[in-house]
N, C-alpha and C. Protein backbone atom coordinates (compact mmCIF):
# COMPACT_ATOMS: atom_id res chain seq x y z
N MET A 1 91.57 86.36 81.63
CA MET A 1 92.26 86.01 80.40
C MET A 1 93.73 85.77 80.69
N ASP A 2 94.30 84.83 80.00
CA ASP A 2 95.71 84.54 80.16
C ASP A 2 96.54 85.52 79.33
N THR A 3 97.79 85.66 79.71
CA THR A 3 98.70 86.49 78.94
C THR A 3 98.89 85.89 77.56
N PRO A 4 98.82 86.68 76.51
CA PRO A 4 98.95 86.13 75.16
C PRO A 4 100.29 85.44 74.96
N GLN A 5 100.27 84.19 74.50
CA GLN A 5 101.49 83.48 74.19
C GLN A 5 101.71 83.58 72.68
N THR A 6 102.18 84.72 72.23
CA THR A 6 102.37 85.03 70.82
C THR A 6 103.70 85.74 70.71
N PRO A 7 104.16 86.06 69.50
CA PRO A 7 105.37 86.87 69.38
C PRO A 7 105.27 88.21 70.11
N LEU A 8 104.05 88.63 70.42
CA LEU A 8 103.86 89.87 71.15
C LEU A 8 103.91 89.69 72.67
N SER A 9 104.18 88.50 73.14
CA SER A 9 104.11 88.24 74.57
C SER A 9 105.23 88.91 75.34
N TYR A 10 104.85 89.68 76.35
CA TYR A 10 105.82 90.31 77.23
C TYR A 10 106.17 89.41 78.41
N GLN A 11 105.62 88.19 78.45
CA GLN A 11 105.75 87.33 79.62
C GLN A 11 107.20 87.06 80.04
N PRO A 12 108.14 86.78 79.12
CA PRO A 12 109.51 86.53 79.58
C PRO A 12 110.11 87.71 80.35
N TYR A 13 109.77 88.92 79.95
CA TYR A 13 110.27 90.11 80.63
C TYR A 13 109.52 90.31 81.95
N LEU A 14 108.23 90.01 81.95
CA LEU A 14 107.45 90.11 83.18
C LEU A 14 107.96 89.13 84.22
N ASP A 15 108.34 87.93 83.80
CA ASP A 15 108.88 86.95 84.74
C ASP A 15 110.12 87.51 85.44
N GLN A 16 110.95 88.24 84.69
CA GLN A 16 112.13 88.84 85.29
C GLN A 16 111.75 89.93 86.28
N LEU A 17 110.72 90.71 85.94
CA LEU A 17 110.27 91.78 86.84
C LEU A 17 109.68 91.18 88.12
N ILE A 18 108.92 90.11 87.99
CA ILE A 18 108.34 89.46 89.17
C ILE A 18 109.44 88.93 90.08
N ALA A 19 110.45 88.29 89.47
CA ALA A 19 111.57 87.78 90.27
C ALA A 19 112.30 88.92 90.98
N PHE A 20 112.49 90.01 90.27
CA PHE A 20 113.15 91.19 90.85
C PHE A 20 112.34 91.76 92.01
N GLY A 21 111.02 91.86 91.80
CA GLY A 21 110.15 92.47 92.80
C GLY A 21 109.91 91.60 94.02
N SER A 22 110.26 90.32 93.95
CA SER A 22 110.01 89.42 95.07
C SER A 22 111.30 88.86 95.66
N GLU A 23 112.42 89.54 95.39
CA GLU A 23 113.68 89.12 96.00
C GLU A 23 113.59 89.18 97.52
N GLU A 24 114.41 88.39 98.18
CA GLU A 24 114.32 88.23 99.64
C GLU A 24 114.30 89.55 100.41
N PRO A 25 115.15 90.54 100.08
CA PRO A 25 115.11 91.78 100.86
C PRO A 25 113.77 92.53 100.74
N ARG A 26 112.96 92.17 99.73
CA ARG A 26 111.68 92.86 99.51
C ARG A 26 110.50 92.13 100.13
N LYS A 27 110.73 90.96 100.65
CA LYS A 27 109.61 90.12 101.10
C LYS A 27 108.74 90.81 102.14
N ALA A 28 109.36 91.48 103.10
CA ALA A 28 108.57 92.15 104.15
C ALA A 28 107.72 93.27 103.55
N ASP A 29 108.31 94.05 102.65
CA ASP A 29 107.56 95.14 102.03
C ASP A 29 106.46 94.61 101.12
N LEU A 30 106.70 93.46 100.51
CA LEU A 30 105.68 92.83 99.67
C LEU A 30 104.44 92.50 100.50
N LEU A 31 104.64 92.01 101.71
CA LEU A 31 103.52 91.69 102.60
C LEU A 31 102.78 92.96 103.03
N VAL A 32 103.52 94.02 103.27
CA VAL A 32 102.90 95.30 103.62
C VAL A 32 102.05 95.80 102.45
N ALA A 33 102.60 95.67 101.24
CA ALA A 33 101.87 96.12 100.04
C ALA A 33 100.59 95.32 99.85
N LYS A 34 100.65 94.02 100.11
CA LYS A 34 99.46 93.19 99.96
C LYS A 34 98.37 93.63 100.95
N ALA A 35 98.75 93.90 102.18
CA ALA A 35 97.78 94.37 103.17
C ALA A 35 97.18 95.71 102.73
N GLU A 36 98.01 96.60 102.18
CA GLU A 36 97.52 97.89 101.68
C GLU A 36 96.49 97.68 100.58
N TYR A 37 96.82 96.79 99.65
CA TYR A 37 95.94 96.57 98.51
C TYR A 37 94.60 95.98 98.95
N PHE A 38 94.63 95.06 99.89
CA PHE A 38 93.38 94.48 100.38
C PHE A 38 92.53 95.51 101.12
N ARG A 39 93.18 96.45 101.79
CA ARG A 39 92.40 97.52 102.45
C ARG A 39 91.71 98.38 101.41
N LEU A 40 92.35 98.58 100.28
CA LEU A 40 91.79 99.42 99.22
C LEU A 40 90.67 98.73 98.45
N THR A 41 90.82 97.44 98.19
CA THR A 41 89.94 96.75 97.24
C THR A 41 89.11 95.63 97.86
N GLY A 42 89.32 95.34 99.14
CA GLY A 42 88.60 94.26 99.79
C GLY A 42 89.46 93.01 99.87
N GLU A 43 89.44 92.37 101.01
CA GLU A 43 90.28 91.18 101.20
C GLU A 43 89.65 89.96 100.54
N VAL A 44 90.47 89.17 99.87
CA VAL A 44 90.01 87.93 99.25
C VAL A 44 90.66 86.75 99.95
N PHE A 45 89.99 85.61 99.85
CA PHE A 45 90.48 84.38 100.45
C PHE A 45 90.60 83.30 99.36
N GLU A 46 91.36 82.27 99.65
CA GLU A 46 91.71 81.30 98.61
C GLU A 46 90.50 80.60 98.00
N ASP A 47 89.41 80.50 98.76
CA ASP A 47 88.23 79.83 98.21
C ASP A 47 87.28 80.80 97.50
N ASP A 48 87.65 82.08 97.42
CA ASP A 48 86.83 83.04 96.70
C ASP A 48 86.95 82.81 95.19
N LYS A 49 85.85 82.99 94.50
CA LYS A 49 85.84 82.85 93.05
C LYS A 49 86.81 83.82 92.38
N LEU A 50 86.95 85.00 92.96
CA LEU A 50 87.78 86.05 92.37
C LEU A 50 89.23 86.02 92.85
N PHE A 51 89.61 85.00 93.62
CA PHE A 51 90.92 85.01 94.27
C PHE A 51 92.07 85.18 93.28
N GLU A 52 92.11 84.37 92.22
CA GLU A 52 93.24 84.43 91.29
C GLU A 52 93.30 85.76 90.55
N LEU A 53 92.14 86.26 90.13
CA LEU A 53 92.13 87.56 89.44
C LEU A 53 92.59 88.68 90.37
N ARG A 54 92.16 88.62 91.65
CA ARG A 54 92.55 89.67 92.58
C ARG A 54 94.04 89.59 92.92
N MET A 55 94.59 88.40 92.98
CA MET A 55 96.02 88.28 93.23
C MET A 55 96.81 88.81 92.03
N ALA A 56 96.29 88.60 90.83
CA ALA A 56 96.93 89.17 89.63
C ALA A 56 96.86 90.69 89.68
N SER A 57 95.72 91.22 90.13
CA SER A 57 95.57 92.67 90.24
C SER A 57 96.52 93.24 91.29
N PHE A 58 96.66 92.51 92.41
CA PHE A 58 97.61 92.96 93.44
C PHE A 58 99.03 93.00 92.89
N LEU A 59 99.42 91.96 92.14
CA LEU A 59 100.76 91.92 91.60
C LEU A 59 101.00 93.11 90.66
N ASP A 60 100.00 93.43 89.82
CA ASP A 60 100.10 94.61 88.96
C ASP A 60 100.31 95.87 89.79
N TYR A 61 99.49 96.02 90.82
CA TYR A 61 99.58 97.19 91.70
C TYR A 61 100.97 97.31 92.31
N TYR A 62 101.49 96.19 92.79
CA TYR A 62 102.79 96.20 93.46
C TYR A 62 103.92 96.52 92.48
N LEU A 63 103.89 95.93 91.30
CA LEU A 63 104.99 96.10 90.34
C LEU A 63 104.95 97.44 89.63
N TYR A 64 103.74 97.89 89.25
CA TYR A 64 103.62 99.03 88.35
C TYR A 64 103.23 100.34 89.03
N ASP A 65 102.50 100.27 90.12
CA ASP A 65 101.89 101.47 90.70
C ASP A 65 102.48 101.90 92.04
N ARG A 66 102.79 100.93 92.88
CA ARG A 66 103.14 101.26 94.27
C ARG A 66 104.59 101.71 94.38
N VAL A 67 104.75 102.92 94.85
CA VAL A 67 106.09 103.47 95.08
C VAL A 67 106.63 102.89 96.38
N SER A 68 107.75 102.22 96.32
CA SER A 68 108.32 101.59 97.49
C SER A 68 108.80 102.64 98.49
N PRO A 69 108.47 102.48 99.78
CA PRO A 69 109.00 103.40 100.78
C PRO A 69 110.50 103.22 100.97
N LEU A 70 111.05 102.12 100.47
CA LEU A 70 112.47 101.85 100.60
C LEU A 70 113.30 102.59 99.55
N THR A 71 112.74 102.73 98.34
CA THR A 71 113.51 103.30 97.22
C THR A 71 112.88 104.55 96.62
N GLY A 72 111.60 104.80 96.91
CA GLY A 72 110.90 105.93 96.30
C GLY A 72 110.52 105.71 94.86
N LYS A 73 110.59 104.44 94.40
CA LYS A 73 110.25 104.09 93.02
C LYS A 73 109.45 102.80 93.00
N THR A 74 108.74 102.56 91.90
CA THR A 74 108.08 101.27 91.73
C THR A 74 109.13 100.24 91.32
N PRO A 75 108.87 98.94 91.56
CA PRO A 75 109.78 97.92 91.07
C PRO A 75 110.01 98.00 89.56
N ALA A 76 108.97 98.34 88.81
CA ALA A 76 109.12 98.45 87.35
C ALA A 76 110.14 99.53 86.98
N VAL A 77 110.07 100.67 87.63
CA VAL A 77 111.02 101.75 87.36
C VAL A 77 112.42 101.36 87.80
N GLU A 78 112.52 100.72 88.96
CA GLU A 78 113.83 100.30 89.44
C GLU A 78 114.52 99.35 88.46
N LEU A 79 113.78 98.37 87.99
CA LEU A 79 114.39 97.39 87.09
C LEU A 79 114.75 98.03 85.75
N TYR A 80 113.88 98.89 85.25
CA TYR A 80 114.19 99.58 84.00
C TYR A 80 115.48 100.39 84.13
N GLU A 81 115.61 101.13 85.21
CA GLU A 81 116.79 101.95 85.40
C GLU A 81 118.04 101.10 85.57
N ALA A 82 117.89 99.92 86.18
CA ALA A 82 119.02 99.03 86.36
C ALA A 82 119.48 98.40 85.05
N ARG A 83 118.55 98.22 84.12
CA ARG A 83 118.87 97.54 82.87
C ARG A 83 119.23 98.48 81.72
N VAL A 84 118.90 99.74 81.85
CA VAL A 84 118.99 100.64 80.70
C VAL A 84 120.42 100.82 80.18
N GLN A 85 121.41 100.67 81.05
CA GLN A 85 122.79 100.92 80.64
C GLN A 85 123.48 99.73 80.00
N ASN A 86 123.05 98.52 80.34
CA ASN A 86 123.83 97.36 79.91
C ASN A 86 122.98 96.23 79.34
N THR A 87 121.86 96.60 78.70
CA THR A 87 120.95 95.61 78.15
C THR A 87 120.65 95.97 76.70
N ALA A 88 120.39 94.95 75.89
CA ALA A 88 120.08 95.17 74.47
C ALA A 88 118.86 96.10 74.34
N PRO A 89 118.84 96.94 73.29
CA PRO A 89 117.76 97.92 73.14
C PRO A 89 116.36 97.33 73.19
N GLU A 90 116.15 96.16 72.56
CA GLU A 90 114.81 95.58 72.56
C GLU A 90 114.38 95.18 73.96
N GLU A 91 115.34 94.76 74.78
CA GLU A 91 115.00 94.41 76.16
C GLU A 91 114.76 95.67 76.98
N VAL A 92 115.54 96.70 76.74
CA VAL A 92 115.31 97.98 77.43
C VAL A 92 113.91 98.49 77.12
N ASN A 93 113.50 98.40 75.87
CA ASN A 93 112.15 98.84 75.49
C ASN A 93 111.08 98.02 76.21
N ALA A 94 111.33 96.72 76.35
CA ALA A 94 110.36 95.85 77.04
C ALA A 94 110.23 96.27 78.50
N PHE A 95 111.34 96.51 79.16
CA PHE A 95 111.27 96.90 80.57
C PHE A 95 110.70 98.31 80.73
N ARG A 96 110.95 99.18 79.77
CA ARG A 96 110.34 100.52 79.83
C ARG A 96 108.82 100.42 79.72
N SER A 97 108.33 99.47 78.94
CA SER A 97 106.88 99.33 78.77
C SER A 97 106.17 99.12 80.10
N PHE A 98 106.86 98.49 81.04
CA PHE A 98 106.24 98.24 82.35
C PHE A 98 106.16 99.51 83.20
N THR A 99 106.83 100.56 82.77
CA THR A 99 106.73 101.85 83.47
C THR A 99 105.69 102.76 82.82
N GLU A 100 105.05 102.29 81.75
CA GLU A 100 104.13 103.12 80.97
C GLU A 100 102.74 102.49 80.83
N THR A 101 102.37 101.64 81.78
CA THR A 101 101.08 100.97 81.68
C THR A 101 99.94 101.96 81.90
N VAL A 102 98.77 101.61 81.39
CA VAL A 102 97.56 102.43 81.55
C VAL A 102 96.54 101.59 82.32
N HIS A 103 96.14 102.09 83.48
CA HIS A 103 95.24 101.34 84.35
C HIS A 103 94.02 102.19 84.66
N GLY A 104 92.84 101.61 84.57
CA GLY A 104 91.66 102.38 84.89
C GLY A 104 90.38 101.61 84.65
N LEU A 105 89.28 102.36 84.66
CA LEU A 105 87.97 101.83 84.33
C LEU A 105 87.71 102.13 82.86
N PHE A 106 87.37 101.10 82.09
CA PHE A 106 87.20 101.24 80.66
C PHE A 106 85.82 100.76 80.23
N GLU A 107 85.27 101.45 79.25
CA GLU A 107 84.06 100.98 78.58
C GLU A 107 84.45 100.34 77.26
N VAL A 108 83.87 99.19 76.96
CA VAL A 108 84.13 98.51 75.69
C VAL A 108 83.35 99.24 74.60
N ARG A 109 84.07 99.78 73.65
CA ARG A 109 83.44 100.54 72.57
C ARG A 109 83.26 99.71 71.30
N LYS A 110 84.17 98.79 71.08
CA LYS A 110 84.12 98.00 69.84
C LYS A 110 84.88 96.70 70.03
N LEU A 111 84.30 95.63 69.52
CA LEU A 111 84.97 94.33 69.50
C LEU A 111 85.22 93.96 68.05
N GLY A 112 86.47 94.03 67.63
CA GLY A 112 86.82 93.71 66.25
C GLY A 112 87.66 92.46 66.18
N LYS A 113 88.03 92.08 64.99
CA LYS A 113 88.87 90.90 64.81
C LYS A 113 90.29 91.22 65.28
N GLY A 114 90.69 90.58 66.36
CA GLY A 114 92.02 90.80 66.90
C GLY A 114 92.20 92.12 67.63
N MET A 115 91.09 92.82 67.93
CA MET A 115 91.19 94.13 68.54
C MET A 115 89.98 94.41 69.44
N VAL A 116 90.25 95.07 70.56
CA VAL A 116 89.19 95.58 71.44
C VAL A 116 89.43 97.07 71.62
N ARG A 117 88.43 97.88 71.30
CA ARG A 117 88.55 99.32 71.52
C ARG A 117 87.92 99.68 72.86
N LEU A 118 88.71 100.32 73.69
CA LEU A 118 88.26 100.72 75.03
C LEU A 118 88.29 102.23 75.17
N ARG A 119 87.39 102.74 76.01
CA ARG A 119 87.41 104.17 76.36
C ARG A 119 87.59 104.30 77.86
N GLU A 120 88.66 104.97 78.26
CA GLU A 120 88.89 105.19 79.69
C GLU A 120 87.89 106.22 80.18
N LEU A 121 87.17 105.89 81.25
CA LEU A 121 86.00 106.67 81.61
C LEU A 121 86.34 108.08 82.11
N PHE A 122 87.44 108.26 82.79
CA PHE A 122 87.76 109.57 83.32
C PHE A 122 88.32 110.51 82.25
N SER A 123 89.24 110.01 81.44
CA SER A 123 89.87 110.87 80.43
C SER A 123 89.07 110.94 79.14
N GLY A 124 88.23 109.91 78.88
CA GLY A 124 87.51 109.84 77.62
C GLY A 124 88.39 109.40 76.47
N LYS A 125 89.62 109.00 76.76
CA LYS A 125 90.56 108.62 75.71
C LYS A 125 90.29 107.19 75.24
N ASP A 126 90.38 106.95 73.94
CA ASP A 126 90.19 105.62 73.37
C ASP A 126 91.52 104.90 73.20
N PHE A 127 91.48 103.59 73.40
CA PHE A 127 92.66 102.74 73.25
C PHE A 127 92.27 101.51 72.44
N ASP A 128 93.06 101.20 71.43
CA ASP A 128 92.86 99.97 70.66
C ASP A 128 93.83 98.92 71.18
N VAL A 129 93.27 97.87 71.77
CA VAL A 129 94.07 96.83 72.40
C VAL A 129 94.12 95.61 71.48
N THR A 130 95.31 95.11 71.23
CA THR A 130 95.47 93.90 70.43
C THR A 130 95.10 92.69 71.27
N GLU A 131 94.12 91.94 70.82
CA GLU A 131 93.66 90.74 71.54
C GLU A 131 93.22 89.73 70.49
N ARG A 132 94.04 88.73 70.26
CA ARG A 132 93.81 87.83 69.15
C ARG A 132 92.82 86.72 69.47
N ARG A 133 92.48 86.58 70.73
CA ARG A 133 91.50 85.56 71.09
C ARG A 133 90.13 86.19 71.31
N HIS A 134 89.10 85.39 71.15
CA HIS A 134 87.75 85.85 71.50
C HIS A 134 87.65 85.97 73.01
N VAL A 135 87.19 87.10 73.48
CA VAL A 135 87.07 87.33 74.92
C VAL A 135 85.67 86.93 75.34
N ALA A 136 85.56 85.77 75.95
CA ALA A 136 84.25 85.21 76.30
C ALA A 136 83.50 86.14 77.24
N GLY A 137 82.25 86.41 76.91
CA GLY A 137 81.38 87.18 77.78
C GLY A 137 81.51 88.68 77.67
N LEU A 138 82.50 89.17 76.95
CA LEU A 138 82.70 90.61 76.83
C LEU A 138 81.85 91.17 75.69
N GLU A 139 81.09 92.23 75.99
CA GLU A 139 80.20 92.81 75.00
C GLU A 139 80.40 94.32 74.94
N THR A 140 80.05 94.90 73.81
CA THR A 140 80.09 96.35 73.66
C THR A 140 79.22 97.00 74.73
N GLY A 141 79.76 98.02 75.38
CA GLY A 141 79.03 98.70 76.44
C GLY A 141 79.41 98.25 77.83
N ASP A 142 80.11 97.12 77.94
CA ASP A 142 80.55 96.65 79.25
C ASP A 142 81.58 97.60 79.85
N VAL A 143 81.66 97.61 81.19
CA VAL A 143 82.68 98.38 81.90
C VAL A 143 83.53 97.41 82.71
N LEU A 144 84.83 97.58 82.61
CA LEU A 144 85.73 96.72 83.36
C LEU A 144 86.96 97.51 83.78
N GLU A 145 87.59 97.04 84.84
CA GLU A 145 88.90 97.53 85.24
C GLU A 145 89.93 96.68 84.53
N ALA A 146 90.89 97.33 83.88
CA ALA A 146 91.93 96.60 83.17
C ALA A 146 93.22 97.41 83.19
N ARG A 147 94.29 96.73 82.82
CA ARG A 147 95.59 97.40 82.68
C ARG A 147 96.13 97.10 81.29
N LEU A 148 96.59 98.14 80.60
CA LEU A 148 97.10 98.02 79.25
C LEU A 148 98.61 98.22 79.27
N ILE A 149 99.32 97.33 78.58
CA ILE A 149 100.78 97.37 78.55
C ILE A 149 101.24 97.62 77.12
N PRO A 150 101.97 98.71 76.86
CA PRO A 150 102.48 98.96 75.52
C PRO A 150 103.66 98.03 75.24
N PHE A 151 103.58 97.27 74.15
CA PHE A 151 104.65 96.30 73.87
C PHE A 151 104.69 96.01 72.38
N GLY A 152 105.87 96.14 71.80
CA GLY A 152 106.05 95.82 70.40
C GLY A 152 105.17 96.62 69.46
N GLY A 153 104.90 97.87 69.82
CA GLY A 153 104.06 98.71 68.97
C GLY A 153 102.57 98.47 69.12
N HIS A 154 102.18 97.67 70.10
CA HIS A 154 100.78 97.36 70.36
C HIS A 154 100.47 97.66 71.82
N LEU A 155 99.17 97.71 72.13
CA LEU A 155 98.72 97.70 73.51
C LEU A 155 98.18 96.31 73.80
N LEU A 156 98.64 95.71 74.90
CA LEU A 156 98.21 94.38 75.29
C LEU A 156 97.59 94.44 76.68
N PHE A 157 96.66 93.53 76.96
CA PHE A 157 96.10 93.41 78.30
C PHE A 157 97.11 92.77 79.25
N SER A 158 97.09 93.21 80.49
CA SER A 158 97.75 92.43 81.53
C SER A 158 96.80 91.28 81.88
N SER A 159 97.21 90.43 82.79
CA SER A 159 96.38 89.28 83.15
C SER A 159 95.34 89.62 84.21
N ALA A 160 95.29 90.87 84.66
CA ALA A 160 94.40 91.27 85.75
C ALA A 160 93.20 92.05 85.22
N PHE A 161 92.01 91.61 85.63
CA PHE A 161 90.77 92.26 85.24
C PHE A 161 89.81 92.31 86.43
N CYS A 162 88.91 93.25 86.38
CA CYS A 162 87.76 93.24 87.29
C CYS A 162 86.54 93.64 86.47
N TYR A 163 85.63 92.71 86.30
CA TYR A 163 84.44 92.95 85.48
C TYR A 163 83.31 93.47 86.37
N HIS A 164 82.57 94.42 85.84
CA HIS A 164 81.44 94.99 86.57
C HIS A 164 80.15 94.63 85.85
N PRO A 165 79.09 94.32 86.62
CA PRO A 165 77.83 93.87 86.01
C PRO A 165 77.25 94.91 85.05
N SER A 166 76.67 94.45 83.96
CA SER A 166 76.09 95.37 82.99
C SER A 166 74.98 96.22 83.60
N ALA A 167 74.32 95.68 84.63
CA ALA A 167 73.22 96.39 85.26
C ALA A 167 73.67 97.66 85.98
N VAL A 168 74.98 97.79 86.25
CA VAL A 168 75.45 98.95 87.01
C VAL A 168 76.33 99.89 86.19
N VAL A 169 76.41 99.65 84.89
CA VAL A 169 77.24 100.50 84.02
C VAL A 169 76.81 101.96 84.12
N LYS A 170 75.50 102.21 84.06
CA LYS A 170 75.01 103.59 84.14
C LYS A 170 75.39 104.24 85.47
N SER A 171 75.33 103.47 86.54
CA SER A 171 75.68 104.01 87.86
C SER A 171 77.16 104.37 87.93
N ILE A 172 78.01 103.52 87.39
CA ILE A 172 79.45 103.81 87.40
C ILE A 172 79.75 105.05 86.57
N LYS A 173 79.16 105.12 85.38
CA LYS A 173 79.43 106.28 84.51
C LYS A 173 78.89 107.56 85.14
N ALA A 174 77.78 107.48 85.82
CA ALA A 174 77.22 108.65 86.49
C ALA A 174 78.13 109.10 87.63
N GLU A 175 78.72 108.13 88.35
CA GLU A 175 79.61 108.48 89.44
C GLU A 175 80.91 109.09 88.91
N VAL A 176 81.39 108.60 87.79
CA VAL A 176 82.56 109.22 87.16
C VAL A 176 82.26 110.67 86.83
N LYS A 177 81.12 110.90 86.21
CA LYS A 177 80.72 112.27 85.82
C LYS A 177 80.60 113.15 87.05
N ARG A 178 80.01 112.63 88.11
CA ARG A 178 79.83 113.42 89.33
C ARG A 178 81.18 113.81 89.94
N ARG A 179 82.08 112.83 90.01
CA ARG A 179 83.38 113.12 90.63
C ARG A 179 84.19 114.10 89.80
N LYS A 180 84.12 113.98 88.47
CA LYS A 180 84.86 114.91 87.62
C LYS A 180 84.36 116.33 87.82
N LYS A 181 83.07 116.48 88.07
CA LYS A 181 82.47 117.81 88.23
C LYS A 181 82.59 118.32 89.66
N LYS A 182 82.28 117.47 90.64
CA LYS A 182 82.19 117.90 92.03
C LYS A 182 83.48 117.70 92.82
N GLU A 183 84.27 116.68 92.45
CA GLU A 183 85.48 116.36 93.22
C GLU A 183 86.66 116.10 92.27
N PRO A 184 86.99 117.06 91.45
CA PRO A 184 88.02 116.84 90.43
C PRO A 184 89.40 116.56 91.01
N GLU A 185 89.59 116.93 92.28
CA GLU A 185 90.90 116.71 92.89
C GLU A 185 91.11 115.25 93.31
N ARG A 186 90.03 114.48 93.38
CA ARG A 186 90.16 113.08 93.81
C ARG A 186 90.78 112.25 92.69
N PRO A 187 91.79 111.44 93.00
CA PRO A 187 92.41 110.59 91.98
C PRO A 187 91.41 109.60 91.41
N ALA A 188 91.47 109.38 90.12
CA ALA A 188 90.58 108.42 89.47
C ALA A 188 90.74 107.03 90.05
N LYS A 189 91.95 106.70 90.51
CA LYS A 189 92.20 105.35 91.02
C LYS A 189 91.34 105.04 92.26
N GLU A 190 90.90 106.09 92.97
CA GLU A 190 90.05 105.83 94.14
C GLU A 190 88.75 105.16 93.73
N LEU A 191 88.17 105.59 92.61
CA LEU A 191 86.93 104.96 92.15
C LEU A 191 87.21 103.56 91.60
N VAL A 192 88.36 103.37 90.96
CA VAL A 192 88.74 102.03 90.50
C VAL A 192 88.76 101.07 91.67
N TRP A 193 89.39 101.47 92.77
CA TRP A 193 89.47 100.61 93.94
C TRP A 193 88.10 100.40 94.59
N GLU A 194 87.31 101.47 94.66
CA GLU A 194 85.98 101.33 95.26
C GLU A 194 85.11 100.38 94.45
N CYS A 195 85.17 100.48 93.15
CA CYS A 195 84.39 99.58 92.30
C CYS A 195 84.87 98.13 92.47
N ALA A 196 86.16 97.95 92.68
CA ALA A 196 86.67 96.60 92.93
C ALA A 196 86.08 96.03 94.21
N ARG A 197 85.96 96.85 95.23
CA ARG A 197 85.34 96.40 96.49
C ARG A 197 83.88 96.03 96.25
N ARG A 198 83.20 96.85 95.47
CA ARG A 198 81.78 96.59 95.22
C ARG A 198 81.61 95.32 94.38
N ALA A 199 82.53 95.08 93.44
CA ALA A 199 82.46 93.85 92.65
C ALA A 199 82.64 92.63 93.54
N LEU A 200 83.56 92.73 94.48
CA LEU A 200 83.76 91.61 95.42
C LEU A 200 82.52 91.37 96.25
N ASN A 201 81.83 92.45 96.62
CA ASN A 201 80.61 92.30 97.41
C ASN A 201 79.48 91.62 96.64
N THR A 202 79.50 91.71 95.31
CA THR A 202 78.47 91.00 94.54
C THR A 202 78.63 89.49 94.68
N GLU A 203 79.85 89.04 94.97
CA GLU A 203 80.08 87.62 95.24
C GLU A 203 79.75 87.27 96.68
N ARG A 204 79.99 88.21 97.59
CA ARG A 204 79.80 87.95 99.02
C ARG A 204 78.34 88.05 99.45
N TYR A 205 77.60 88.96 98.81
CA TYR A 205 76.22 89.24 99.24
C TYR A 205 75.26 89.00 98.08
N ARG A 206 75.17 87.77 97.69
CA ARG A 206 74.35 87.42 96.53
C ARG A 206 72.86 87.66 96.77
N GLN A 207 72.48 87.79 98.04
CA GLN A 207 71.07 88.02 98.34
C GLN A 207 70.66 89.46 98.07
N LEU A 208 71.66 90.34 97.85
CA LEU A 208 71.38 91.75 97.61
C LEU A 208 71.47 92.07 96.12
N ALA A 209 70.62 92.97 95.66
CA ALA A 209 70.64 93.38 94.26
C ALA A 209 71.94 94.11 93.96
N VAL A 210 72.50 93.83 92.77
CA VAL A 210 73.78 94.47 92.42
C VAL A 210 73.62 95.99 92.36
N GLU A 211 72.44 96.46 91.99
CA GLU A 211 72.22 97.91 91.94
C GLU A 211 72.40 98.53 93.32
N LYS A 212 72.00 97.81 94.36
CA LYS A 212 72.16 98.31 95.73
C LYS A 212 73.65 98.31 96.12
N LEU A 213 74.37 97.27 95.69
CA LEU A 213 75.78 97.17 96.05
C LEU A 213 76.63 98.21 95.32
N TYR A 214 76.13 98.72 94.21
CA TYR A 214 76.82 99.78 93.47
C TYR A 214 76.13 101.12 93.63
N ASP A 215 75.42 101.30 94.74
CA ASP A 215 74.80 102.59 95.03
C ASP A 215 75.86 103.49 95.64
N PHE A 216 76.39 104.42 94.86
CA PHE A 216 77.53 105.23 95.30
C PHE A 216 77.14 106.28 96.32
N GLU A 217 75.85 106.41 96.58
CA GLU A 217 75.42 107.31 97.66
C GLU A 217 75.53 106.61 99.01
N GLN A 218 75.72 105.29 98.96
CA GLN A 218 75.86 104.51 100.17
C GLN A 218 77.31 104.07 100.33
N LYS A 219 77.78 104.04 101.56
CA LYS A 219 79.15 103.60 101.84
C LYS A 219 79.30 102.14 101.45
N VAL A 220 80.42 101.81 100.82
CA VAL A 220 80.65 100.44 100.40
C VAL A 220 80.73 99.52 101.62
N LEU A 221 80.14 98.34 101.51
CA LEU A 221 80.15 97.40 102.62
C LEU A 221 81.56 96.93 102.94
């Protein structure tokens, strides 16, 4: 899905964050971050069907999640702190929103007019996301990886998604339950990344059943 081009669009502020995060002194670290992300989620190539979505997911990871070894902060936090003293309040709020994103595996609970209700699988918390367009192919009960950005009193989707086949929803939810009970110390993001690798494998190994590719008792290919 594209970023909403509405009065609620955070895109002008995101453009500034992207420019900040890709300044020349950061270029080498940006390449290191990309290699890290591909190790976590599986490497994609330009002719892959998922290439653009995965590059959007990498950009989210780099801007919002990855703490720079150079500064000890994410680019989003750095830019917010740089702007907080000398920027108009509405712009400060916009840049702060990039430090408060919610990323995880979500189950679609309800599709309403202009709204999608999601439940984050690890916390069980519900989120009402403002989405004014019809989301093609999305149905109640689906599980997807998404990032939510608080902006203008609403929650909005980022442009990065990873959809998981409906046939493996039960397997993903069972693995969440198992990890919460048996391995509570493991960060939830580890399963997000593992599921991303498995989703990529459904494109790479079409001869294999998706249920096999999402068999969490087996090491991911």
